Amino acid sequence: MKITVVLMFVFSLMMTEAAFIASAARTFAGDKPSAGNTTYEAHISRGKAYLQEKRYAEAVKEYQAALKGRPSDEAANLGLGIALSRMSQDTAQLHLKKALMSNPDNPQTNLELGVYYYKKEIYAEARDYLENAIETGKGTAYATTALGYLKKIDRQIGARPWLVNLTLGSQYDSNVVLS
């Protein structure tokens, strides 16, 4: 019994010291936990969950709330852009491009912009972003998905029903005698 009490006391001292060290490390690194940080993280977390559940309207609300404190945040702009894109909203482009400006080498952002333009049937623009997604995300699912969309674009462009070949010709010969 005495050993159990002593062990519990030692364990509680160790846990208190570990919490103090973690708090000191955060303070030293300048990463103080704050209510704003926690709220931001909660909004991002809920937004991601709603995206996975395809509850896009709820995801939009969460990402908009996260952006109130951090209007240029990459994760919030990307999430909001994805949700708006899935809802076929034109404002998706604005948020996806804001996310891309924060990190131009993000393959997911490039992929999402490519998909956005693909759905709008702006294939040249879509191709640029999809090729960037392949380049920046080599070996990832983003690159594989982008490649699939590029193949769809090639099929769309190859299947133009209005493509017409027109050949006109004429001939003039000055050696012909007409009498």
N, C-alpha and C. Protein backbone atom coordinates (compact mmCIF):
# COMPACT_ATOMS: atom_id res chain seq x y z
N MET A 1 0.83 -1.19 0.00
CA MET A 1 0.00 0.00 0.00
C MET A 1 0.87 1.24 0.00
N LYS A 2 1.92 1.26 0.87
CA LYS A 2 2.80 2.42 0.94
C LYS A 2 3.54 2.61 -0.38
N ILE A 3 3.91 1.52 -1.01
CA ILE A 3 4.64 1.60 -2.28
C ILE A 3 3.74 2.21 -3.35
N THR A 4 2.47 1.83 -3.38
CA THR A 4 1.53 2.37 -4.35
C THR A 4 1.36 3.87 -4.17
N VAL A 5 1.23 4.32 -2.93
CA VAL A 5 1.07 5.75 -2.64
C VAL A 5 2.32 6.51 -3.06
N VAL A 6 3.47 5.97 -2.75
CA VAL A 6 4.73 6.62 -3.12
C VAL A 6 4.86 6.69 -4.64
N LEU A 7 4.55 5.60 -5.32
CA LEU A 7 4.62 5.59 -6.79
C LEU A 7 3.66 6.60 -7.40
N MET A 8 2.45 6.69 -6.86
CA MET A 8 1.48 7.66 -7.38
C MET A 8 1.98 9.09 -7.16
N PHE A 9 2.59 9.34 -6.00
CA PHE A 9 3.12 10.67 -5.71
C PHE A 9 4.26 11.02 -6.68
N VAL A 10 5.16 10.09 -6.90
CA VAL A 10 6.28 10.31 -7.82
C VAL A 10 5.75 10.53 -9.25
N PHE A 11 4.77 9.73 -9.65
CA PHE A 11 4.19 9.87 -10.99
C PHE A 11 3.53 11.24 -11.16
N SER A 12 2.80 11.71 -10.14
CA SER A 12 2.15 13.02 -10.25
C SER A 12 3.18 14.13 -10.32
N LEU A 13 4.30 14.00 -9.60
CA LEU A 13 5.37 15.00 -9.70
C LEU A 13 5.96 15.02 -11.10
N MET A 14 6.16 13.84 -11.67
CA MET A 14 6.72 13.76 -13.02
C MET A 14 5.78 14.39 -14.04
N MET A 15 4.48 14.14 -13.91
CA MET A 15 3.51 14.71 -14.84
C MET A 15 3.45 16.23 -14.71
N THR A 16 3.50 16.73 -13.49
CA THR A 16 3.49 18.18 -13.27
C THR A 16 4.72 18.81 -13.89
N GLU A 17 5.87 18.17 -13.69
CA GLU A 17 7.12 18.69 -14.25
C GLU A 17 7.08 18.64 -15.78
N ALA A 18 6.52 17.57 -16.36
CA ALA A 18 6.43 17.46 -17.81
C ALA A 18 5.53 18.56 -18.38
N ALA A 19 4.42 18.83 -17.71
CA ALA A 19 3.52 19.90 -18.17
C ALA A 19 4.22 21.25 -18.09
N PHE A 20 4.99 21.47 -17.01
CA PHE A 20 5.72 22.73 -16.86
C PHE A 20 6.77 22.87 -17.96
N ILE A 21 7.49 21.81 -18.25
CA ILE A 21 8.52 21.85 -19.30
C ILE A 21 7.89 22.12 -20.66
N ALA A 22 6.77 21.47 -20.95
CA ALA A 22 6.09 21.69 -22.24
C ALA A 22 5.62 23.13 -22.36
N SER A 23 5.08 23.67 -21.26
CA SER A 23 4.62 25.06 -21.27
C SER A 23 5.79 26.02 -21.47
N ALA A 24 6.90 25.74 -20.80
CA ALA A 24 8.09 26.59 -20.94
C ALA A 24 8.64 26.51 -22.36
N ALA A 25 8.62 25.34 -22.94
CA ALA A 25 9.12 25.19 -24.31
C ALA A 25 8.26 25.97 -25.29
N ARG A 26 6.94 25.93 -25.10
CA ARG A 26 6.05 26.70 -25.98
C ARG A 26 6.30 28.19 -25.82
N THR A 27 6.47 28.64 -24.58
CA THR A 27 6.72 30.05 -24.32
C THR A 27 8.03 30.48 -24.94
N PHE A 28 9.06 29.65 -24.79
CA PHE A 28 10.37 29.97 -25.36
C PHE A 28 10.30 30.05 -26.88
N ALA A 29 9.51 29.16 -27.48
CA ALA A 29 9.39 29.13 -28.94
C ALA A 29 8.44 30.20 -29.46
N GLY A 30 7.76 30.89 -28.55
CA GLY A 30 6.83 31.93 -28.97
C GLY A 30 5.49 31.38 -29.41
N ASP A 31 5.19 30.15 -29.06
CA ASP A 31 3.94 29.50 -29.46
C ASP A 31 3.05 29.33 -28.25
N LYS A 32 2.57 30.44 -27.73
CA LYS A 32 1.73 30.38 -26.54
C LYS A 32 0.34 29.90 -26.93
N PRO A 33 -0.18 28.92 -26.21
CA PRO A 33 -1.54 28.50 -26.51
C PRO A 33 -2.49 29.62 -26.11
N SER A 34 -3.40 29.96 -26.97
CA SER A 34 -4.36 31.01 -26.66
C SER A 34 -5.74 30.55 -27.07
N ALA A 35 -6.74 31.25 -26.58
CA ALA A 35 -8.11 30.91 -26.93
C ALA A 35 -8.33 31.06 -28.43
N GLY A 36 -7.70 32.07 -29.05
CA GLY A 36 -7.82 32.29 -30.49
C GLY A 36 -7.24 31.14 -31.28
N ASN A 37 -6.07 30.66 -30.84
CA ASN A 37 -5.43 29.53 -31.51
C ASN A 37 -6.32 28.29 -31.44
N THR A 38 -6.85 28.04 -30.25
CA THR A 38 -7.69 26.87 -30.05
C THR A 38 -8.95 26.98 -30.90
N THR A 39 -9.55 28.17 -30.94
CA THR A 39 -10.75 28.37 -31.74
C THR A 39 -10.45 28.16 -33.22
N TYR A 40 -9.35 28.72 -33.68
CA TYR A 40 -8.95 28.55 -35.08
C TYR A 40 -8.79 27.07 -35.41
N GLU A 41 -8.05 26.36 -34.58
CA GLU A 41 -7.81 24.94 -34.81
C GLU A 41 -9.11 24.14 -34.79
N ALA A 42 -10.03 24.52 -33.91
CA ALA A 42 -11.32 23.83 -33.84
C ALA A 42 -12.11 24.04 -35.13
N HIS A 43 -12.10 25.26 -35.65
CA HIS A 43 -12.81 25.54 -36.90
C HIS A 43 -12.20 24.75 -38.06
N ILE A 44 -10.87 24.72 -38.13
CA ILE A 44 -10.19 23.97 -39.20
C ILE A 44 -10.53 22.49 -39.09
N SER A 45 -10.48 21.96 -37.88
CA SER A 45 -10.75 20.54 -37.66
C SER A 45 -12.19 20.19 -38.05
N ARG A 46 -13.14 21.01 -37.63
CA ARG A 46 -14.54 20.75 -37.99
C ARG A 46 -14.74 20.91 -39.50
N GLY A 47 -14.09 21.91 -40.09
CA GLY A 47 -14.19 22.11 -41.54
C GLY A 47 -13.72 20.88 -42.31
N LYS A 48 -12.58 20.32 -41.89
CA LYS A 48 -12.06 19.11 -42.54
C LYS A 48 -13.03 17.94 -42.39
N ALA A 49 -13.59 17.81 -41.19
CA ALA A 49 -14.55 16.72 -40.95
C ALA A 49 -15.78 16.87 -41.84
N TYR A 50 -16.29 18.09 -41.94
CA TYR A 50 -17.46 18.33 -42.80
C TYR A 50 -17.13 18.07 -44.28
N LEU A 51 -15.93 18.43 -44.70
CA LEU A 51 -15.53 18.14 -46.09
C LEU A 51 -15.55 16.64 -46.35
N GLN A 52 -15.00 15.87 -45.43
CA GLN A 52 -14.97 14.42 -45.60
C GLN A 52 -16.37 13.82 -45.63
N GLU A 53 -17.29 14.44 -44.88
CA GLU A 53 -18.67 13.96 -44.84
C GLU A 53 -19.50 14.54 -45.98
N LYS A 54 -18.88 15.36 -46.83
CA LYS A 54 -19.55 16.02 -47.96
C LYS A 54 -20.67 16.95 -47.49
N ARG A 55 -20.48 17.54 -46.33
CA ARG A 55 -21.41 18.54 -45.80
C ARG A 55 -20.77 19.90 -46.06
N TYR A 56 -20.85 20.30 -47.31
CA TYR A 56 -20.08 21.45 -47.78
C TYR A 56 -20.55 22.78 -47.20
N ALA A 57 -21.84 22.96 -47.00
CA ALA A 57 -22.33 24.22 -46.44
C ALA A 57 -21.79 24.43 -45.02
N GLU A 58 -21.76 23.36 -44.22
CA GLU A 58 -21.22 23.47 -42.86
C GLU A 58 -19.71 23.71 -42.90
N ALA A 59 -19.03 23.07 -43.85
CA ALA A 59 -17.58 23.28 -43.99
C ALA A 59 -17.29 24.73 -44.34
N VAL A 60 -18.10 25.31 -45.22
CA VAL A 60 -17.91 26.71 -45.60
C VAL A 60 -17.99 27.60 -44.37
N LYS A 61 -18.98 27.38 -43.51
CA LYS A 61 -19.14 28.20 -42.30
C LYS A 61 -17.93 28.08 -41.39
N GLU A 62 -17.42 26.87 -41.23
CA GLU A 62 -16.26 26.66 -40.34
C GLU A 62 -15.01 27.35 -40.90
N TYR A 63 -14.77 27.18 -42.18
CA TYR A 63 -13.58 27.81 -42.77
C TYR A 63 -13.70 29.33 -42.79
N GLN A 64 -14.90 29.85 -43.00
CA GLN A 64 -15.07 31.30 -42.95
C GLN A 64 -14.80 31.82 -41.54
N ALA A 65 -15.23 31.08 -40.53
CA ALA A 65 -14.96 31.47 -39.15
C ALA A 65 -13.45 31.44 -38.87
N ALA A 66 -12.76 30.44 -39.40
CA ALA A 66 -11.31 30.36 -39.20
C ALA A 66 -10.60 31.52 -39.88
N LEU A 67 -11.13 31.96 -41.03
CA LEU A 67 -10.49 33.05 -41.78
C LEU A 67 -10.71 34.42 -41.15
N LYS A 68 -11.66 34.55 -40.24
CA LYS A 68 -11.91 35.86 -39.61
C LYS A 68 -10.66 36.37 -38.91
N GLY A 69 -9.96 35.50 -38.23
CA GLY A 69 -8.75 35.90 -37.52
C GLY A 69 -7.50 35.84 -38.38
N ARG A 70 -7.53 35.03 -39.41
CA ARG A 70 -6.35 34.84 -40.27
C ARG A 70 -6.79 34.83 -41.74
N PRO A 71 -7.03 36.00 -42.32
CA PRO A 71 -7.59 36.05 -43.67
C PRO A 71 -6.71 35.47 -44.77
N SER A 72 -5.42 35.37 -44.56
CA SER A 72 -4.55 34.84 -45.61
C SER A 72 -4.05 33.43 -45.29
N ASP A 73 -4.69 32.75 -44.36
CA ASP A 73 -4.25 31.42 -43.94
C ASP A 73 -4.43 30.41 -45.07
N GLU A 74 -3.38 29.66 -45.35
CA GLU A 74 -3.39 28.70 -46.46
C GLU A 74 -4.41 27.59 -46.25
N ALA A 75 -4.39 26.96 -45.07
CA ALA A 75 -5.28 25.82 -44.82
C ALA A 75 -6.74 26.22 -44.88
N ALA A 76 -7.08 27.36 -44.30
CA ALA A 76 -8.48 27.81 -44.29
C ALA A 76 -8.93 28.20 -45.69
N ASN A 77 -8.08 28.90 -46.43
CA ASN A 77 -8.44 29.28 -47.80
C ASN A 77 -8.58 28.05 -48.70
N LEU A 78 -7.68 27.09 -48.54
CA LEU A 78 -7.77 25.86 -49.34
C LEU A 78 -9.05 25.10 -49.02
N GLY A 79 -9.32 24.91 -47.74
CA GLY A 79 -10.54 24.19 -47.35
C GLY A 79 -11.80 24.88 -47.83
N LEU A 80 -11.83 26.21 -47.67
CA LEU A 80 -12.99 26.97 -48.13
C LEU A 80 -13.12 26.88 -49.65
N GLY A 81 -12.00 26.98 -50.35
CA GLY A 81 -12.03 26.87 -51.81
C GLY A 81 -12.53 25.52 -52.27
N ILE A 82 -12.11 24.45 -51.60
CA ILE A 82 -12.56 23.11 -51.97
C ILE A 82 -14.07 22.98 -51.74
N ALA A 83 -14.53 23.43 -50.57
CA ALA A 83 -15.96 23.32 -50.26
C ALA A 83 -16.80 24.12 -51.27
N LEU A 84 -16.37 25.34 -51.57
CA LEU A 84 -17.11 26.17 -52.53
C LEU A 84 -17.07 25.57 -53.93
N SER A 85 -15.93 24.98 -54.30
CA SER A 85 -15.81 24.34 -55.61
C SER A 85 -16.78 23.16 -55.72
N ARG A 86 -16.89 22.37 -54.66
CA ARG A 86 -17.81 21.23 -54.68
C ARG A 86 -19.26 21.69 -54.77
N MET A 87 -19.52 22.93 -54.33
CA MET A 87 -20.86 23.50 -54.41
C MET A 87 -21.05 24.30 -55.70
N SER A 88 -20.05 24.25 -56.59
CA SER A 88 -20.07 24.97 -57.88
C SER A 88 -20.20 26.48 -57.71
N GLN A 89 -19.54 27.02 -56.71
CA GLN A 89 -19.56 28.46 -56.46
C GLN A 89 -18.34 29.11 -57.12
N ASP A 90 -18.56 30.23 -57.80
CA ASP A 90 -17.46 30.92 -58.48
C ASP A 90 -16.43 31.49 -57.51
N THR A 91 -16.83 31.78 -56.27
CA THR A 91 -15.89 32.35 -55.30
C THR A 91 -14.82 31.34 -54.88
N ALA A 92 -14.99 30.09 -55.25
CA ALA A 92 -13.97 29.08 -54.95
C ALA A 92 -12.62 29.48 -55.53
N GLN A 93 -12.65 30.04 -56.72
CA GLN A 93 -11.41 30.43 -57.41
C GLN A 93 -10.60 31.41 -56.56
N LEU A 94 -11.26 32.39 -55.97
CA LEU A 94 -10.57 33.39 -55.15
C LEU A 94 -9.81 32.74 -54.00
N HIS A 95 -10.47 31.85 -53.28
CA HIS A 95 -9.85 31.23 -52.11
C HIS A 95 -8.78 30.22 -52.49
N LEU A 96 -8.99 29.50 -53.58
CA LEU A 96 -7.96 28.57 -54.04
C LEU A 96 -6.71 29.32 -54.48
N LYS A 97 -6.89 30.46 -55.14
CA LYS A 97 -5.72 31.24 -55.57
C LYS A 97 -5.01 31.89 -54.38
N LYS A 98 -5.76 32.28 -53.34
CA LYS A 98 -5.13 32.81 -52.12
C LYS A 98 -4.27 31.73 -51.48
N ALA A 99 -4.79 30.51 -51.43
CA ALA A 99 -4.03 29.40 -50.87
C ALA A 99 -2.79 29.13 -51.71
N LEU A 100 -2.93 29.22 -53.02
CA LEU A 100 -1.79 28.98 -53.92
C LEU A 100 -0.72 30.04 -53.75
N MET A 101 -1.13 31.29 -53.50
CA MET A 101 -0.14 32.36 -53.28
C MET A 101 0.66 32.10 -52.01
N SER A 102 0.03 31.49 -51.01
CA SER A 102 0.74 31.17 -49.77
C SER A 102 1.77 30.07 -49.99
N ASN A 103 1.44 29.11 -50.86
CA ASN A 103 2.33 27.98 -51.11
C ASN A 103 2.14 27.48 -52.54
N PRO A 104 2.87 28.05 -53.50
CA PRO A 104 2.70 27.67 -54.91
C PRO A 104 3.06 26.22 -55.22
N ASP A 105 3.81 25.57 -54.34
CA ASP A 105 4.24 24.20 -54.59
C ASP A 105 3.33 23.15 -53.95
N ASN A 106 2.17 23.56 -53.47
CA ASN A 106 1.25 22.62 -52.85
C ASN A 106 0.50 21.86 -53.94
N PRO A 107 0.73 20.55 -54.06
CA PRO A 107 0.08 19.79 -55.14
C PRO A 107 -1.44 19.73 -54.99
N GLN A 108 -1.93 19.73 -53.76
CA GLN A 108 -3.38 19.67 -53.57
C GLN A 108 -4.05 20.95 -54.08
N THR A 109 -3.45 22.10 -53.80
CA THR A 109 -4.02 23.36 -54.26
C THR A 109 -4.01 23.42 -55.78
N ASN A 110 -2.90 23.01 -56.39
CA ASN A 110 -2.82 22.99 -57.85
C ASN A 110 -3.87 22.04 -58.43
N LEU A 111 -4.03 20.88 -57.82
CA LEU A 111 -5.03 19.93 -58.28
C LEU A 111 -6.43 20.52 -58.19
N GLU A 112 -6.75 21.13 -57.05
CA GLU A 112 -8.09 21.68 -56.87
C GLU A 112 -8.39 22.80 -57.85
N LEU A 113 -7.40 23.64 -58.14
CA LEU A 113 -7.60 24.68 -59.16
C LEU A 113 -7.79 24.05 -60.54
N GLY A 114 -7.04 23.00 -60.83
CA GLY A 114 -7.21 22.30 -62.10
C GLY A 114 -8.60 21.70 -62.23
N VAL A 115 -9.09 21.10 -61.16
CA VAL A 115 -10.43 20.51 -61.17
C VAL A 115 -11.49 21.61 -61.32
N TYR A 116 -11.27 22.73 -60.62
CA TYR A 116 -12.21 23.86 -60.73
C TYR A 116 -12.34 24.31 -62.18
N TYR A 117 -11.20 24.53 -62.84
CA TYR A 117 -11.24 24.98 -64.24
C TYR A 117 -11.74 23.88 -65.18
N TYR A 118 -11.46 22.63 -64.86
CA TYR A 118 -11.99 21.53 -65.67
C TYR A 118 -13.52 21.55 -65.65
N LYS A 119 -14.09 21.72 -64.45
CA LYS A 119 -15.55 21.76 -64.34
C LYS A 119 -16.14 22.96 -65.08
N LYS A 120 -15.37 24.04 -65.17
CA LYS A 120 -15.82 25.24 -65.89
C LYS A 120 -15.55 25.11 -67.39
N GLU A 121 -14.93 24.01 -67.80
CA GLU A 121 -14.56 23.73 -69.20
C GLU A 121 -13.56 24.74 -69.75
N ILE A 122 -12.70 25.23 -68.87
CA ILE A 122 -11.59 26.10 -69.28
C ILE A 122 -10.35 25.21 -69.26
N TYR A 123 -10.22 24.42 -70.32
CA TYR A 123 -9.26 23.33 -70.33
C TYR A 123 -7.80 23.77 -70.36
N ALA A 124 -7.48 24.87 -71.02
CA ALA A 124 -6.08 25.32 -71.07
C ALA A 124 -5.60 25.70 -69.67
N GLU A 125 -6.44 26.41 -68.93
CA GLU A 125 -6.10 26.81 -67.56
C GLU A 125 -6.03 25.57 -66.66
N ALA A 126 -6.99 24.68 -66.82
CA ALA A 126 -7.01 23.45 -66.03
C ALA A 126 -5.74 22.64 -66.26
N ARG A 127 -5.33 22.54 -67.51
CA ARG A 127 -4.14 21.78 -67.86
C ARG A 127 -2.91 22.33 -67.14
N ASP A 128 -2.75 23.65 -67.09
CA ASP A 128 -1.59 24.25 -66.42
C ASP A 128 -1.52 23.84 -64.95
N TYR A 129 -2.65 23.96 -64.25
CA TYR A 129 -2.65 23.62 -62.83
C TYR A 129 -2.49 22.13 -62.60
N LEU A 130 -3.09 21.31 -63.45
CA LEU A 130 -2.96 19.86 -63.30
C LEU A 130 -1.52 19.42 -63.55
N GLU A 131 -0.87 20.03 -64.54
CA GLU A 131 0.55 19.71 -64.79
C GLU A 131 1.41 20.13 -63.61
N ASN A 132 1.09 21.27 -62.98
CA ASN A 132 1.82 21.70 -61.78
C ASN A 132 1.60 20.72 -60.64
N ALA A 133 0.38 20.20 -60.51
CA ALA A 133 0.10 19.23 -59.46
C ALA A 133 0.93 17.96 -59.65
N ILE A 134 1.08 17.54 -60.90
CA ILE A 134 1.88 16.35 -61.19
C ILE A 134 3.35 16.63 -60.86
N GLU A 135 3.82 17.80 -61.25
CA GLU A 135 5.23 18.16 -61.03
C GLU A 135 5.56 18.28 -59.54
N THR A 136 4.68 18.96 -58.79
CA THR A 136 4.98 19.21 -57.37
C THR A 136 4.61 18.04 -56.47
N GLY A 137 3.77 17.13 -56.97
CA GLY A 137 3.34 16.02 -56.13
C GLY A 137 3.72 14.67 -56.67
N LYS A 138 4.90 14.58 -57.24
CA LYS A 138 5.35 13.31 -57.84
C LYS A 138 5.18 12.15 -56.87
N GLY A 139 4.53 11.09 -57.36
CA GLY A 139 4.37 9.88 -56.55
C GLY A 139 3.23 9.95 -55.54
N THR A 140 2.43 11.00 -55.57
CA THR A 140 1.33 11.12 -54.61
C THR A 140 -0.01 10.87 -55.30
N ALA A 141 -1.04 10.74 -54.49
CA ALA A 141 -2.39 10.56 -55.03
C ALA A 141 -2.83 11.80 -55.80
N TYR A 142 -2.31 12.97 -55.41
CA TYR A 142 -2.66 14.21 -56.12
C TYR A 142 -2.18 14.14 -57.57
N ALA A 143 -0.97 13.64 -57.75
CA ALA A 143 -0.41 13.53 -59.10
C ALA A 143 -1.20 12.52 -59.93
N THR A 144 -1.57 11.42 -59.32
CA THR A 144 -2.35 10.39 -60.02
C THR A 144 -3.71 10.93 -60.44
N THR A 145 -4.36 11.65 -59.53
CA THR A 145 -5.67 12.23 -59.85
C THR A 145 -5.54 13.27 -60.95
N ALA A 146 -4.50 14.10 -60.87
CA ALA A 146 -4.27 15.13 -61.89
C ALA A 146 -4.06 14.49 -63.26
N LEU A 147 -3.32 13.40 -63.29
CA LEU A 147 -3.09 12.69 -64.55
C LEU A 147 -4.41 12.19 -65.14
N GLY A 148 -5.29 11.70 -64.29
CA GLY A 148 -6.61 11.26 -64.74
C GLY A 148 -7.40 12.39 -65.37
N TYR A 149 -7.34 13.56 -64.76
CA TYR A 149 -8.05 14.72 -65.33
C TYR A 149 -7.41 15.17 -66.64
N LEU A 150 -6.10 15.09 -66.74
CA LEU A 150 -5.45 15.44 -68.01
C LEU A 150 -5.91 14.52 -69.14
N LYS A 151 -6.08 13.25 -68.83
CA LYS A 151 -6.58 12.30 -69.84
C LYS A 151 -8.01 12.65 -70.24
N LYS A 152 -8.82 13.07 -69.27
CA LYS A 152 -10.19 13.48 -69.58
C LYS A 152 -10.19 14.71 -70.49
N ILE A 153 -9.28 15.64 -70.20
CA ILE A 153 -9.18 16.85 -71.04
C ILE A 153 -8.81 16.46 -72.46
N ASP A 154 -7.84 15.56 -72.60
CA ASP A 154 -7.42 15.12 -73.94
C ASP A 154 -8.59 14.48 -74.69
N ARG A 155 -9.40 13.69 -73.98
CA ARG A 155 -10.58 13.09 -74.63
C ARG A 155 -11.60 14.15 -75.01
N GLN A 156 -11.79 15.14 -74.15
CA GLN A 156 -12.75 16.21 -74.44
C GLN A 156 -12.32 17.01 -75.66
N ILE A 157 -11.05 17.35 -75.70
CA ILE A 157 -10.54 18.14 -76.83
C ILE A 157 -10.56 17.31 -78.11
N GLY A 158 -10.25 16.03 -78.01
CA GLY A 158 -10.24 15.15 -79.18
C GLY A 158 -11.63 14.86 -79.72
N ALA A 159 -12.65 15.04 -78.91
CA ALA A 159 -14.02 14.71 -79.32
C ALA A 159 -14.82 15.96 -79.66
N ARG A 160 -14.21 16.91 -80.32
CA ARG A 160 -14.93 18.13 -80.70
C ARG A 160 -15.88 17.82 -81.85
N PRO A 161 -17.17 17.94 -81.64
CA PRO A 161 -18.11 17.62 -82.71
C PRO A 161 -18.12 18.68 -83.81
N TRP A 162 -17.59 19.85 -83.55
CA TRP A 162 -17.65 20.94 -84.52
C TRP A 162 -16.39 21.05 -85.36
N LEU A 163 -15.46 20.13 -85.20
CA LEU A 163 -14.21 20.20 -85.94
C LEU A 163 -14.47 19.91 -87.42
N VAL A 164 -14.08 20.83 -88.28
CA VAL A 164 -14.31 20.70 -89.72
C VAL A 164 -13.01 20.98 -90.45
N ASN A 165 -12.69 20.14 -91.40
CA ASN A 165 -11.55 20.40 -92.28
C ASN A 165 -12.11 20.93 -93.59
N LEU A 166 -11.59 22.04 -94.03
CA LEU A 166 -12.07 22.67 -95.24
C LEU A 166 -10.88 22.92 -96.15
N THR A 167 -10.98 22.43 -97.37
CA THR A 167 -9.91 22.63 -98.34
C THR A 167 -10.51 23.31 -99.56
N LEU A 168 -9.93 24.43 -99.93
CA LEU A 168 -10.36 25.15 -101.13
C LEU A 168 -9.19 25.19 -102.09
N GLY A 169 -9.50 25.19 -103.35
CA GLY A 169 -8.42 25.26 -104.32
C GLY A 169 -8.90 25.89 -105.62
N SER A 170 -7.97 26.44 -106.34
CA SER A 170 -8.26 26.98 -107.66
C SER A 170 -6.99 26.87 -108.49
N GLN A 171 -7.16 26.95 -109.81
CA GLN A 171 -6.00 26.83 -110.68
C GLN A 171 -6.15 27.82 -111.82
N TYR A 172 -5.06 28.41 -112.21
CA TYR A 172 -5.02 29.33 -113.34
C TYR A 172 -3.85 28.92 -114.21
N ASP A 173 -4.10 28.78 -115.51
CA ASP A 173 -3.03 28.41 -116.44
C ASP A 173 -3.03 29.42 -117.57
N SER A 174 -1.93 30.12 -117.76
CA SER A 174 -1.84 31.16 -118.80
C SER A 174 -1.48 30.59 -120.17
N ASN A 175 -1.16 29.30 -120.29
CA ASN A 175 -0.80 28.69 -121.58
C ASN A 175 -2.00 28.20 -122.38
N VAL A 176 -3.15 28.32 -121.85
CA VAL A 176 -4.33 27.82 -122.55
C VAL A 176 -4.77 28.87 -123.58
N VAL A 177 -4.94 28.41 -124.83
CA VAL A 177 -5.35 29.31 -125.91
C VAL A 177 -6.85 29.17 -126.08
N LEU A 178 -7.52 30.26 -125.97
CA LEU A 178 -8.97 30.26 -126.16
C LEU A 178 -9.29 31.07 -127.41
N SER A 179 -9.58 30.44 -128.51
CA SER A 179 -9.89 31.22 -129.69
C SER A 179 -11.25 30.94 -130.21
